[in-house]
N, C-alpha and C. Protein backbone atom coordinates (compact mmCIF):
# COMPACT_ATOMS: atom_id res chain seq x y z
N MET A 1 0.92 -1.21 0.12
CA MET A 1 -0.01 0.00 0.02
C MET A 1 0.88 1.32 0.07
N ARG A 2 0.47 2.30 -0.73
CA ARG A 2 1.23 3.41 -0.90
C ARG A 2 0.94 4.44 0.35
N LYS A 3 2.08 4.82 0.78
CA LYS A 3 2.02 6.00 1.97
C LYS A 3 1.58 7.13 1.24
N ASP A 4 0.82 7.86 2.09
CA ASP A 4 0.39 9.23 1.72
C ASP A 4 1.28 10.47 2.19
N ASP A 5 2.13 10.04 3.04
CA ASP A 5 2.91 10.97 3.64
C ASP A 5 4.27 10.35 3.84
N LEU A 6 5.38 11.13 2.89
CA LEU A 6 6.45 10.23 2.86
C LEU A 6 7.66 11.17 3.74
N VAL A 7 7.19 12.40 4.10
CA VAL A 7 8.13 13.31 4.75
C VAL A 7 8.60 12.92 6.07
N PRO A 8 7.86 12.04 6.85
CA PRO A 8 8.59 11.43 8.03
C PRO A 8 9.85 10.42 7.67
N GLN A 9 9.55 9.64 6.52
CA GLN A 9 10.45 8.69 6.17
C GLN A 9 11.63 9.40 5.60
N ILE A 10 11.30 10.43 4.73
CA ILE A 10 12.52 11.25 4.18
C ILE A 10 13.39 11.80 5.30
N ASN A 11 12.81 12.41 6.39
CA ASN A 11 13.49 12.81 7.40
C ASN A 11 14.40 11.75 8.19
N GLN A 12 13.87 10.68 8.31
CA GLN A 12 14.43 9.26 8.83
C GLN A 12 15.69 8.87 8.03
N HIS A 13 15.58 9.23 6.81
CA HIS A 13 16.71 8.68 5.95
C HIS A 13 17.89 9.68 5.98
N LEU A 14 17.25 10.97 6.06
CA LEU A 14 18.32 12.02 6.19
C LEU A 14 19.20 11.91 7.50
N ASP A 15 18.53 11.63 8.57
CA ASP A 15 19.27 11.32 9.88
C ASP A 15 20.03 9.99 9.59
N ASP A 16 19.62 9.05 8.97
CA ASP A 16 20.64 7.87 8.76
C ASP A 16 21.63 7.99 7.61
N SER A 17 21.77 8.87 6.93
CA SER A 17 22.52 9.14 5.85
C SER A 17 23.67 9.29 5.74
N ASN A 18 24.50 9.41 4.71
CA ASN A 18 25.97 9.72 4.77
C ASN A 18 26.33 11.08 4.71
N GLU A 19 27.43 11.60 4.44
CA GLU A 19 27.87 12.90 4.62
C GLU A 19 27.72 13.98 3.34
N TYR A 20 27.33 13.18 2.41
CA TYR A 20 27.14 13.94 1.02
C TYR A 20 25.85 14.89 1.09
N THR A 21 26.12 15.99 0.43
CA THR A 21 25.23 17.08 0.38
C THR A 21 23.73 16.58 -0.32
N LYS A 22 22.67 16.84 0.40
CA LYS A 22 21.41 16.39 -0.28
C LYS A 22 20.64 17.76 -0.85
N TYR A 23 20.09 17.63 -2.03
CA TYR A 23 19.34 18.74 -2.63
C TYR A 23 17.77 18.49 -2.78
N VAL A 24 17.03 19.46 -2.70
CA VAL A 24 15.62 19.26 -3.06
C VAL A 24 15.29 20.38 -4.06
N ILE A 25 14.88 20.05 -5.33
CA ILE A 25 14.48 21.10 -6.27
C ILE A 25 12.99 21.10 -6.23
N CYS A 26 12.55 22.29 -6.02
CA CYS A 26 11.15 22.45 -5.99
C CYS A 26 10.79 23.84 -6.77
N SER A 27 9.49 24.19 -6.53
CA SER A 27 9.17 25.34 -7.23
C SER A 27 7.90 25.81 -6.21
N GLU A 28 7.80 27.19 -5.85
CA GLU A 28 6.91 27.72 -5.01
C GLU A 28 5.50 27.69 -5.82
N ASN A 29 5.67 27.68 -7.31
CA ASN A 29 4.51 27.60 -7.94
C ASN A 29 3.70 26.56 -7.87
N VAL A 30 4.23 25.27 -7.57
CA VAL A 30 3.39 24.13 -7.17
C VAL A 30 3.34 24.04 -5.63
N GLU A 31 2.23 24.75 -5.23
CA GLU A 31 2.03 25.11 -3.79
C GLU A 31 1.96 23.78 -3.03
N LEU A 32 1.23 22.77 -3.34
CA LEU A 32 0.88 21.52 -2.48
C LEU A 32 2.42 20.83 -2.30
N TYR A 33 3.21 20.70 -3.33
CA TYR A 33 4.46 20.11 -2.92
C TYR A 33 5.50 20.85 -2.33
N TYR A 34 5.48 22.38 -2.54
CA TYR A 34 6.20 23.19 -1.99
C TYR A 34 5.97 23.34 -0.58
N LYS A 35 4.76 23.27 -0.11
CA LYS A 35 4.67 23.18 1.44
C LYS A 35 5.26 21.99 2.10
N GLN A 36 5.18 20.89 1.32
CA GLN A 36 5.71 19.55 1.93
C GLN A 36 7.11 19.81 2.11
N THR A 37 8.00 20.46 1.28
CA THR A 37 9.25 20.60 1.42
C THR A 37 9.73 21.28 2.63
N ASP A 38 8.75 21.99 3.16
CA ASP A 38 8.95 22.87 4.34
C ASP A 38 8.96 22.01 5.50
N ARG A 39 8.59 20.93 5.48
CA ARG A 39 8.51 20.00 6.37
C ARG A 39 9.87 19.21 6.56
N ILE A 40 10.62 19.10 5.43
CA ILE A 40 11.81 18.37 5.48
C ILE A 40 12.94 19.07 6.36
N ASP A 41 13.70 18.37 7.16
CA ASP A 41 14.75 19.13 8.07
C ASP A 41 15.63 19.96 7.08
N ALA A 42 15.37 21.21 7.31
CA ALA A 42 16.15 22.23 6.45
C ALA A 42 17.69 22.24 6.91
N SER A 43 18.07 21.68 7.93
CA SER A 43 19.68 21.55 8.32
C SER A 43 20.34 20.47 7.54
N LYS A 44 19.53 19.61 6.91
CA LYS A 44 19.98 18.52 6.29
C LYS A 44 20.03 18.43 4.84
N ILE A 45 19.41 19.55 4.14
CA ILE A 45 19.16 19.57 2.81
C ILE A 45 19.62 21.12 2.34
N TYR A 46 19.78 21.23 0.96
CA TYR A 46 19.83 22.41 0.27
C TYR A 46 18.57 22.38 -0.62
N LYS A 47 17.61 23.46 -0.26
CA LYS A 47 16.48 23.53 -1.10
C LYS A 47 16.66 24.64 -2.17
N ILE A 48 16.36 24.15 -3.32
CA ILE A 48 16.36 24.98 -4.60
C ILE A 48 14.93 25.31 -5.10
N ASN A 49 14.67 26.68 -4.91
CA ASN A 49 13.26 27.03 -5.28
C ASN A 49 13.47 27.45 -6.57
N LEU A 50 12.60 26.88 -7.62
CA LEU A 50 12.64 27.42 -8.99
C LEU A 50 11.47 28.38 -9.07
N ALA A 51 11.76 29.52 -8.84
CA ALA A 51 10.60 30.46 -9.20
C ALA A 51 10.49 30.94 -10.51
N ASP A 52 10.00 30.01 -11.17
CA ASP A 52 9.98 30.14 -12.76
C ASP A 52 8.45 30.10 -13.21
N LYS A 53 7.90 31.01 -13.94
CA LYS A 53 6.35 31.36 -14.15
C LYS A 53 6.08 30.17 -15.10
N HIS A 54 7.03 29.54 -15.75
CA HIS A 54 6.56 28.45 -16.75
C HIS A 54 6.26 27.07 -15.88
N ILE A 55 6.77 26.93 -14.63
CA ILE A 55 6.31 25.79 -13.70
C ILE A 55 4.96 26.02 -13.17
N THR A 56 4.02 25.21 -13.47
CA THR A 56 2.85 25.24 -12.97
C THR A 56 2.41 23.86 -12.55
N SER A 57 3.13 22.79 -12.46
CA SER A 57 2.55 21.75 -12.02
C SER A 57 3.88 20.83 -11.81
N HIS A 58 3.69 19.74 -10.72
CA HIS A 58 4.90 19.10 -10.30
C HIS A 58 5.77 18.44 -11.37
N PRO A 59 5.12 17.83 -12.50
CA PRO A 59 6.00 17.14 -13.53
C PRO A 59 6.98 18.21 -14.11
N GLU A 60 6.40 19.57 -14.12
CA GLU A 60 7.37 20.53 -14.95
C GLU A 60 8.52 20.87 -14.15
N VAL A 61 8.46 20.80 -12.97
CA VAL A 61 9.76 21.03 -12.20
C VAL A 61 11.01 20.18 -12.70
N SER A 62 10.93 18.99 -12.96
CA SER A 62 11.94 18.17 -13.55
C SER A 62 12.49 18.54 -14.59
N ARG A 63 11.74 18.81 -15.57
CA ARG A 63 12.13 19.15 -17.08
C ARG A 63 12.52 20.56 -17.01
N ASN A 64 12.19 21.63 -16.08
CA ASN A 64 12.76 22.74 -16.15
C ASN A 64 13.78 23.19 -15.12
N SER A 65 14.41 21.99 -14.59
CA SER A 65 15.54 22.30 -13.70
C SER A 65 16.77 21.36 -14.18
N VAL A 66 16.95 21.11 -15.45
CA VAL A 66 17.91 20.36 -16.07
C VAL A 66 19.35 20.97 -15.88
N PRO A 67 19.43 22.47 -15.98
CA PRO A 67 20.66 22.77 -15.74
C PRO A 67 21.01 22.92 -14.13
N GLU A 68 20.09 23.00 -13.30
CA GLU A 68 20.28 22.88 -12.03
C GLU A 68 20.74 21.43 -11.61
N GLN A 69 20.15 20.51 -12.15
CA GLN A 69 20.39 19.11 -12.00
C GLN A 69 21.83 18.76 -12.41
N LEU A 70 22.20 19.20 -13.54
CA LEU A 70 23.71 18.92 -13.99
C LEU A 70 24.72 19.70 -13.29
N THR A 71 24.41 20.92 -12.70
CA THR A 71 25.25 21.53 -11.85
C THR A 71 25.63 20.80 -10.68
N ILE A 72 24.46 20.19 -10.05
CA ILE A 72 24.71 19.48 -8.89
C ILE A 72 25.48 18.15 -9.26
N LEU A 73 25.18 17.52 -10.23
CA LEU A 73 25.94 16.34 -10.63
C LEU A 73 27.42 16.57 -10.95
N ASN A 74 27.61 17.65 -11.65
CA ASN A 74 29.09 18.08 -11.91
C ASN A 74 29.94 18.45 -10.66
N LYS A 75 29.22 19.07 -9.78
CA LYS A 75 29.86 19.49 -8.30
C LYS A 75 30.05 18.14 -7.70
N PHE A 76 29.18 17.16 -7.60
CA PHE A 76 29.44 15.97 -6.94
C PHE A 76 30.80 15.13 -7.62
N PHE A 77 30.61 15.11 -8.89
CA PHE A 77 31.63 14.25 -9.48
C PHE A 77 33.08 15.13 -9.54
N ALA A 78 33.20 16.38 -9.56
CA ALA A 78 34.45 17.17 -9.23
C ALA A 78 34.97 16.89 -8.04
N THR A 79 34.11 16.61 -6.98
CA THR A 79 34.67 16.69 -5.66
C THR A 79 34.90 15.11 -5.21
N HIS A 80 34.37 14.22 -6.00
CA HIS A 80 34.40 12.88 -5.32
C HIS A 80 34.90 11.77 -6.28
N ILE A 81 35.53 12.21 -7.36
CA ILE A 81 36.22 11.26 -8.16
C ILE A 81 37.58 11.69 -8.24
């Protein structure tokens, strides 16, 4: 059965996780999901808010954040390889 609220599980995984930096890419334009990101322990993540007028739904966050995703990946590989 699917859980309705994943935030407690996310916070638990953050407590148990390694030292690598964690990112959450979201948009304040998608109000429901953005409010949920406020419940994630902010001391354990970097929250990237895409205040982009073209983002109006949750699926649009991913396709409109490719440069940010690539920057995060490049930073990771530059410091861990």
